[in-house]
Amino acid sequence: GLHVYPSAANFILVDFGDVGRAEECRLFLKDRGILVRQVERYKLPACLRISIGTGEEMALVFEGVKDFIRASHSG
């Protein structure tokens, strides 16, 4: 599963539990025009930083992550 850390900032930090899985999700989202940031330099290689946007943008991110999870479980 995923772990989303509590945040009071303008981003959320999502832990994918595995470096490869985080990178696969980053590329999956990038292919859909959704850019998220890697945080390896902060010693969090299995995490992605997702900036908070509009409600519509966040809905696209949420759907993108759900689609990634579905695709990774079906293949």
PDB file of N, CA and C in Angstrom:
ATOM      1  N   GLY A   1       0.802  -1.186   0.000  1.00  0.00           N
ATOM      2  CA  GLY A   1       0.000   0.000   0.000  1.00  0.00           C
ATOM      3  C   GLY A   1       0.850   1.256   0.000  1.00  0.00           C
ATOM      4  N   LEU A   2       0.178   2.348   0.013  1.00  0.00           N
ATOM      5  CA  LEU A   2       0.817   3.654   0.038  1.00  0.00           C
ATOM      6  C   LEU A   2       0.658   4.270   1.418  1.00  0.00           C
ATOM      7  N   HIS A   3       1.614   5.122   1.762  1.00  0.00           N
ATOM      8  CA  HIS A   3       1.489   5.893   2.994  1.00  0.00           C
ATOM      9  C   HIS A   3       1.605   7.365   2.631  1.00  0.00           C
ATOM     10  N   VAL A   4       0.599   8.148   2.994  1.00  0.00           N
ATOM     11  CA  VAL A   4       0.626   9.592   2.779  1.00  0.00           C
ATOM     12  C   VAL A   4       0.898  10.245   4.127  1.00  0.00           C
ATOM     13  N   TYR A   5       1.995  10.990   4.194  1.00  0.00           N
ATOM     14  CA  TYR A   5       2.370  11.647   5.443  1.00  0.00           C
ATOM     15  C   TYR A   5       1.495  12.873   5.688  1.00  0.00           C
ATOM     16  N   PRO A   6       1.149  13.141   6.941  1.00  0.00           N
ATOM     17  CA  PRO A   6       0.411  14.368   7.257  1.00  0.00           C
ATOM     18  C   PRO A   6       1.227  15.584   6.813  1.00  0.00           C
ATOM     19  N   SER A   7       0.544  16.612   6.341  1.00  0.00           N
ATOM     20  CA  SER A   7       1.246  17.784   5.828  1.00  0.00           C
ATOM     21  C   SER A   7       0.497  19.060   6.165  1.00  0.00           C
ATOM     22  N   ALA A   8       1.263  20.090   6.487  1.00  0.00           N
ATOM     23  CA  ALA A   8       0.709  21.429   6.675  1.00  0.00           C
ATOM     24  C   ALA A   8       1.320  22.366   5.636  1.00  0.00           C
ATOM     25  N   ALA A   9       1.954  21.783   4.628  1.00  0.00           N
ATOM     26  CA  ALA A   9       2.627  22.555   3.581  1.00  0.00           C
ATOM     27  C   ALA A   9       1.795  22.523   2.297  1.00  0.00           C
ATOM     28  N   ASN A  10       2.381  23.031   1.216  1.00  0.00           N
ATOM     29  CA  ASN A  10       1.676  23.059  -0.064  1.00  0.00           C
ATOM     30  C   ASN A  10       1.959  21.812  -0.905  1.00  0.00           C
ATOM     31  N   PHE A  11       2.309  20.724  -0.239  1.00  0.00           N
ATOM     32  CA  PHE A  11       2.548  19.461  -0.935  1.00  0.00           C
ATOM     33  C   PHE A  11       2.230  18.308   0.006  1.00  0.00           C
ATOM     34  N   ILE A  12       2.068  17.131  -0.610  1.00  0.00           N
ATOM     35  CA  ILE A  12       1.946  15.908   0.175  1.00  0.00           C
ATOM     36  C   ILE A  12       3.109  15.002  -0.191  1.00  0.00           C
ATOM     37  N   LEU A  13       3.500  14.165   0.729  1.00  0.00           N
ATOM     38  CA  LEU A  13       4.579  13.216   0.527  1.00  0.00           C
ATOM     39  C   LEU A  13       3.974  11.823   0.570  1.00  0.00           C
ATOM     40  N   VAL A  14       4.153  11.082  -0.527  1.00  0.00           N
ATOM     41  CA  VAL A  14       3.574   9.746  -0.642  1.00  0.00           C
ATOM     42  C   VAL A  14       4.702   8.728  -0.676  1.00  0.00           C
ATOM     43  N   ASP A  15       4.658   7.774   0.243  1.00  0.00           N
ATOM     44  CA  ASP A  15       5.658   6.706   0.315  1.00  0.00           C
ATOM     45  C   ASP A  15       5.096   5.472  -0.377  1.00  0.00           C
ATOM     46  N   PHE A  16       5.799   5.024  -1.418  1.00  0.00           N
ATOM     47  CA  PHE A  16       5.377   3.856  -2.183  1.00  0.00           C
ATOM     48  C   PHE A  16       5.973   2.564  -1.641  1.00  0.00           C
ATOM     49  N   GLY A  17       6.846   2.665  -0.636  1.00  0.00           N
ATOM     50  CA  GLY A  17       7.418   1.489  -0.007  1.00  0.00           C
ATOM     51  C   GLY A  17       8.525   0.821  -0.792  1.00  0.00           C
ATOM     52  N   ASP A  18       8.780   1.306  -2.009  1.00  0.00           N
ATOM     53  CA  ASP A  18       9.782   0.688  -2.874  1.00  0.00           C
ATOM     54  C   ASP A  18      10.252   1.738  -3.882  1.00  0.00           C
ATOM     55  N   VAL A  19      11.564   1.843  -4.058  1.00  0.00           N
ATOM     56  CA  VAL A  19      12.134   2.838  -4.971  1.00  0.00           C
ATOM     57  C   VAL A  19      11.631   2.624  -6.394  1.00  0.00           C
ATOM     58  N   GLY A  20      11.651   1.376  -6.854  1.00  0.00           N
ATOM     59  CA  GLY A  20      11.213   1.071  -8.215  1.00  0.00           C
ATOM     60  C   GLY A  20       9.754   1.420  -8.440  1.00  0.00           C
ATOM     61  N   ARG A  21       8.932   1.131  -7.464  1.00  0.00           N
ATOM     62  CA  ARG A  21       7.494   1.423  -7.590  1.00  0.00           C
ATOM     63  C   ARG A  21       7.243   2.929  -7.634  1.00  0.00           C
ATOM     64  N   ALA A  22       7.977   3.693  -6.838  1.00  0.00           N
ATOM     65  CA  ALA A  22       7.843   5.155  -6.862  1.00  0.00           C
ATOM     66  C   ALA A  22       8.236   5.691  -8.234  1.00  0.00           C
ATOM     67  N   GLU A  23       9.319   5.189  -8.792  1.00  0.00           N
ATOM     68  CA  GLU A  23       9.769   5.642 -10.114  1.00  0.00           C
ATOM     69  C   GLU A  23       8.778   5.238 -11.200  1.00  0.00           C
ATOM     70  N   GLU A  24       8.241   4.036 -11.111  1.00  0.00           N
ATOM     71  CA  GLU A  24       7.231   3.606 -12.087  1.00  0.00           C
ATOM     72  C   GLU A  24       6.012   4.521 -12.035  1.00  0.00           C
ATOM     73  N   CYS A  25       5.585   4.893 -10.846  1.00  0.00           N
ATOM     74  CA  CYS A  25       4.432   5.783 -10.715  1.00  0.00           C
ATOM     75  C   CYS A  25       4.769   7.166 -11.253  1.00  0.00           C
ATOM     76  N   ARG A  26       5.960   7.658 -10.965  1.00  0.00           N
ATOM     77  CA  ARG A  26       6.369   8.971 -11.475  1.00  0.00           C
ATOM     78  C   ARG A  26       6.304   8.995 -12.994  1.00  0.00           C
ATOM     79  N   LEU A  27       6.822   7.956 -13.641  1.00  0.00           N
ATOM     80  CA  LEU A  27       6.798   7.881 -15.104  1.00  0.00           C
ATOM     81  C   LEU A  27       5.378   7.706 -15.626  1.00  0.00           C
ATOM     82  N   PHE A  28       4.575   6.910 -14.939  1.00  0.00           N
ATOM     83  CA  PHE A  28       3.171   6.696 -15.308  1.00  0.00           C
ATOM     84  C   PHE A  28       2.429   8.033 -15.302  1.00  0.00           C
ATOM     85  N   LEU A  29       2.619   8.809 -14.241  1.00  0.00           N
ATOM     86  CA  LEU A  29       1.959  10.112 -14.143  1.00  0.00           C
ATOM     87  C   LEU A  29       2.514  11.089 -15.178  1.00  0.00           C
ATOM     88  N   LYS A  30       3.823  11.053 -15.397  1.00  0.00           N
ATOM     89  CA  LYS A  30       4.450  11.941 -16.387  1.00  0.00           C
ATOM     90  C   LYS A  30       3.860  11.704 -17.770  1.00  0.00           C
ATOM     91  N   ASP A  31       3.640  10.440 -18.121  1.00  0.00           N
ATOM     92  CA  ASP A  31       3.032  10.104 -19.417  1.00  0.00           C
ATOM     93  C   ASP A  31       1.638  10.700 -19.555  1.00  0.00           C
ATOM     94  N   ARG A  32       1.023  11.042 -18.446  1.00  0.00           N
ATOM     95  CA  ARG A  32      -0.328  11.633 -18.441  1.00  0.00           C
ATOM     96  C   ARG A  32      -0.291  13.139 -18.203  1.00  0.00           C
ATOM     97  N   GLY A  33       0.913  13.706 -18.271  1.00  0.00           N
ATOM     98  CA  GLY A  33       1.061  15.150 -18.114  1.00  0.00           C
ATOM     99  C   GLY A  33       1.049  15.635 -16.679  1.00  0.00           C
ATOM    100  N   ILE A  34       1.236  14.709 -15.734  1.00  0.00           N
ATOM    101  CA  ILE A  34       1.242  15.059 -14.309  1.00  0.00           C
ATOM    102  C   ILE A  34       2.680  14.947 -13.807  1.00  0.00           C
ATOM    103  N   LEU A  35       3.237  16.065 -13.387  1.00  0.00           N
ATOM    104  CA  LEU A  35       4.620  16.075 -12.929  1.00  0.00           C
ATOM    105  C   LEU A  35       4.676  16.073 -11.408  1.00  0.00           C
ATOM    106  N   VAL A  36       5.403  15.128 -10.876  1.00  0.00           N
ATOM    107  CA  VAL A  36       5.635  15.042  -9.435  1.00  0.00           C
ATOM    108  C   VAL A  36       7.138  15.001  -9.215  1.00  0.00           C
ATOM    109  N   ARG A  37       7.554  15.268  -8.015  1.00  0.00           N
ATOM    110  CA  ARG A  37       8.983  15.401  -7.739  1.00  0.00           C
ATOM    111  C   ARG A  37       9.517  14.206  -6.954  1.00  0.00           C
ATOM    112  N   GLN A  38      10.701  13.750  -7.377  1.00  0.00           N
ATOM    113  CA  GLN A  38      11.421  12.738  -6.613  1.00  0.00           C
ATOM    114  C   GLN A  38      12.076  13.431  -5.421  1.00  0.00           C
ATOM    115  N   VAL A  39      12.256  12.705  -4.347  1.00  0.00           N
ATOM    116  CA  VAL A  39      12.878  13.300  -3.160  1.00  0.00           C
ATOM    117  C   VAL A  39      14.044  12.448  -2.656  1.00  0.00           C
ATOM    118  N   GLU A  40      14.782  11.860  -3.604  1.00  0.00           N
ATOM    119  CA  GLU A  40      15.944  11.039  -3.250  1.00  0.00           C
ATOM    120  C   GLU A  40      16.984  11.832  -2.475  1.00  0.00           C
ATOM    121  N   ARG A  41      17.170  13.098  -2.854  1.00  0.00           N
ATOM    122  CA  ARG A  41      18.221  13.885  -2.195  1.00  0.00           C
ATOM    123  C   ARG A  41      17.916  14.147  -0.720  1.00  0.00           C
ATOM    124  N   TYR A  42      16.678  13.929  -0.326  1.00  0.00           N
ATOM    125  CA  TYR A  42      16.300  14.045   1.084  1.00  0.00           C
ATOM    126  C   TYR A  42      16.292  12.675   1.762  1.00  0.00           C
ATOM    127  N   LYS A  43      16.916  11.720   1.094  1.00  0.00           N
ATOM    128  CA  LYS A  43      17.020  10.340   1.587  1.00  0.00           C
ATOM    129  C   LYS A  43      15.646   9.676   1.724  1.00  0.00           C
ATOM    130  N   LEU A  44      14.757  10.001   0.769  1.00  0.00           N
ATOM    131  CA  LEU A  44      13.423   9.408   0.709  1.00  0.00           C
ATOM    132  C   LEU A  44      13.193   8.855  -0.698  1.00  0.00           C
ATOM    133  N   PRO A  45      14.010   7.894  -1.131  1.00  0.00           N
ATOM    134  CA  PRO A  45      13.942   7.436  -2.524  1.00  0.00           C
ATOM    135  C   PRO A  45      12.653   6.720  -2.906  1.00  0.00           C
ATOM    136  N   ALA A  46      11.909   6.216  -1.939  1.00  0.00           N
ATOM    137  CA  ALA A  46      10.660   5.508  -2.250  1.00  0.00           C
ATOM    138  C   ALA A  46       9.450   6.434  -2.187  1.00  0.00           C
ATOM    139  N   CYS A  47       9.718   7.747  -2.064  1.00  0.00           N
ATOM    140  CA  CYS A  47       8.630   8.723  -1.928  1.00  0.00           C
ATOM    141  C   CYS A  47       8.555   9.652  -3.132  1.00  0.00           C
ATOM    142  N   LEU A  48       7.367  10.190  -3.342  1.00  0.00           N
ATOM    143  CA  LEU A  48       7.154  11.243  -4.326  1.00  0.00           C
ATOM    144  C   LEU A  48       6.507  12.425  -3.621  1.00  0.00           C
ATOM    145  N   ARG A  49       6.930  13.611  -4.022  1.00  0.00           N
ATOM    146  CA  ARG A  49       6.349  14.854  -3.503  1.00  0.00           C
ATOM    147  C   ARG A  49       5.345  15.355  -4.531  1.00  0.00           C
ATOM    148  N   ILE A  50       4.124  15.577  -4.098  1.00  0.00           N
ATOM    149  CA  ILE A  50       3.055  16.028  -4.987  1.00  0.00           C
ATOM    150  C   ILE A  50       2.579  17.388  -4.498  1.00  0.00           C
ATOM    151  N   SER A  51       2.794  18.412  -5.330  1.00  0.00           N
ATOM    152  CA  SER A  51       2.356  19.764  -4.975  1.00  0.00           C
ATOM    153  C   SER A  51       0.840  19.848  -5.004  1.00  0.00           C
ATOM    154  N   ILE A  52       0.299  20.623  -4.082  1.00  0.00           N
ATOM    155  CA  ILE A  52      -1.146  20.819  -4.011  1.00  0.00           C
ATOM    156  C   ILE A  52      -1.540  21.852  -5.059  1.00  0.00           C
ATOM    157  N   GLY A  53      -2.525  21.499  -5.864  1.00  0.00           N
ATOM    158  CA  GLY A  53      -3.026  22.409  -6.888  1.00  0.00           C
ATOM    159  C   GLY A  53      -4.500  22.682  -6.666  1.00  0.00           C
ATOM    160  N   THR A  54      -5.181  22.970  -7.754  1.00  0.00           N
ATOM    161  CA  THR A  54      -6.623  23.195  -7.680  1.00  0.00           C
ATOM    162  C   THR A  54      -7.324  21.873  -7.403  1.00  0.00           C
ATOM    163  N   GLY A  55      -8.581  21.951  -7.056  1.00  0.00           N
ATOM    164  CA  GLY A  55      -9.357  20.734  -6.840  1.00  0.00           C
ATOM    165  C   GLY A  55      -9.364  19.850  -8.071  1.00  0.00           C
ATOM    166  N   GLU A  56      -9.489  20.464  -9.236  1.00  0.00           N
ATOM    167  CA  GLU A  56      -9.489  19.710 -10.494  1.00  0.00           C
ATOM    168  C   GLU A  56      -8.146  19.028 -10.728  1.00  0.00           C
ATOM    169  N   GLU A  57      -7.050  19.746 -10.472  1.00  0.00           N
ATOM    170  CA  GLU A  57      -5.717  19.160 -10.639  1.00  0.00           C
ATOM    171  C   GLU A  57      -5.500  18.007  -9.669  1.00  0.00           C
ATOM    172  N   MET A  58      -5.945  18.170  -8.436  1.00  0.00           N
ATOM    173  CA  MET A  58      -5.762  17.109  -7.447  1.00  0.00           C
ATOM    174  C   MET A  58      -6.600  15.884  -7.793  1.00  0.00           C
ATOM    175  N   ALA A  59      -7.775  16.100  -8.375  1.00  0.00           N
ATOM    176  CA  ALA A  59      -8.601  14.972  -8.818  1.00  0.00           C
ATOM    177  C   ALA A  59      -7.879  14.195  -9.908  1.00  0.00           C
ATOM    178  N   LEU A  60      -7.185  14.898 -10.818  1.00  0.00           N
ATOM    179  CA  LEU A  60      -6.419  14.220 -11.870  1.00  0.00           C
ATOM    180  C   LEU A  60      -5.274  13.405 -11.275  1.00  0.00           C
ATOM    181  N   VAL A  61      -4.597  13.965 -10.282  1.00  0.00           N
ATOM    182  CA  VAL A  61      -3.511  13.237  -9.611  1.00  0.00           C
ATOM    183  C   VAL A  61      -4.068  11.995  -8.933  1.00  0.00           C
ATOM    184  N   PHE A  62      -5.151  12.149  -8.198  1.00  0.00           N
ATOM    185  CA  PHE A  62      -5.771  11.032  -7.489  1.00  0.00           C
ATOM    186  C   PHE A  62      -6.162   9.925  -8.464  1.00  0.00           C
ATOM    187  N   GLU A  63      -6.807  10.299  -9.565  1.00  0.00           N
ATOM    188  CA  GLU A  63      -7.200   9.306 -10.572  1.00  0.00           C
ATOM    189  C   GLU A  63      -5.977   8.664 -11.205  1.00  0.00           C
ATOM    190  N   GLY A  64      -4.931   9.457 -11.448  1.00  0.00           N
ATOM    191  CA  GLY A  64      -3.703   8.917 -12.025  1.00  0.00           C
ATOM    192  C   GLY A  64      -3.049   7.889 -11.125  1.00  0.00           C
ATOM    193  N   VAL A  65      -2.987   8.172  -9.835  1.00  0.00           N
ATOM    194  CA  VAL A  65      -2.391   7.221  -8.887  1.00  0.00           C
ATOM    195  C   VAL A  65      -3.261   5.969  -8.793  1.00  0.00           C
ATOM    196  N   LYS A  66      -4.585   6.143  -8.762  1.00  0.00           N
ATOM    197  CA  LYS A  66      -5.481   4.972  -8.739  1.00  0.00           C
ATOM    198  C   LYS A  66      -5.281   4.120  -9.989  1.00  0.00           C
ATOM    199  N   ASP A  67      -5.170   4.760 -11.158  1.00  0.00           N
ATOM    200  CA  ASP A  67      -4.943   4.022 -12.403  1.00  0.00           C
ATOM    201  C   ASP A  67      -3.615   3.276 -12.357  1.00  0.00           C
ATOM    202  N   PHE A  68      -2.578   3.910 -11.795  1.00  0.00           N
ATOM    203  CA  PHE A  68      -1.279   3.252 -11.660  1.00  0.00           C
ATOM    204  C   PHE A  68      -1.399   2.009 -10.789  1.00  0.00           C
ATOM    205  N   ILE A  69      -2.080   2.130  -9.663  1.00  0.00           N
ATOM    206  CA  ILE A  69      -2.231   0.990  -8.754  1.00  0.00           C
ATOM    207  C   ILE A  69      -2.986  -0.139  -9.449  1.00  0.00           C
ATOM    208  N   ARG A  70      -4.065   0.204 -10.135  1.00  0.00           N
ATOM    209  CA  ARG A  70      -4.827  -0.823 -10.870  1.00  0.00           C
ATOM    210  C   ARG A  70      -3.953  -1.509 -11.915  1.00  0.00           C
ATOM    211  N   ALA A  71      -3.213  -0.711 -12.690  1.00  0.00           N
ATOM    212  CA  ALA A  71      -2.362  -1.261 -13.749  1.00  0.00           C
ATOM    213  C   ALA A  71      -1.247  -2.127 -13.171  1.00  0.00           C
ATOM    214  N   SER A  72      -0.682  -1.717 -12.043  1.00  0.00           N
ATOM    215  CA  SER A  72       0.421  -2.489 -11.466  1.00  0.00           C
ATOM    216  C   SER A  72      -0.066  -3.794 -10.844  1.00  0.00           C
ATOM    217  N   HIS A  73      -1.324  -3.841 -10.431  1.00  0.00           N
ATOM    218  CA  HIS A  73      -1.870  -5.080  -9.877  1.00  0.00           C
ATOM    219  C   HIS A  73      -2.385  -6.020 -10.954  1.00  0.00           C
ATOM    220  N   SER A  74      -2.731  -5.477 -12.111  1.00  0.00           N
ATOM    221  CA  SER A  74      -3.284  -6.332 -13.169  1.00  0.00           C
ATOM    222  C   SER A  74      -2.199  -6.924 -14.052  1.00  0.00           C
ATOM    223  N   GLY A  75      -0.993  -6.351 -14.017  1.00  0.00           N
ATOM    224  CA  GLY A  75       0.045  -6.825 -14.920  1.00  0.00           C
ATOM    225  C   GLY A  75       1.111  -7.494 -14.197  1.00  0.00           C
TER     226      GLY A  75
END
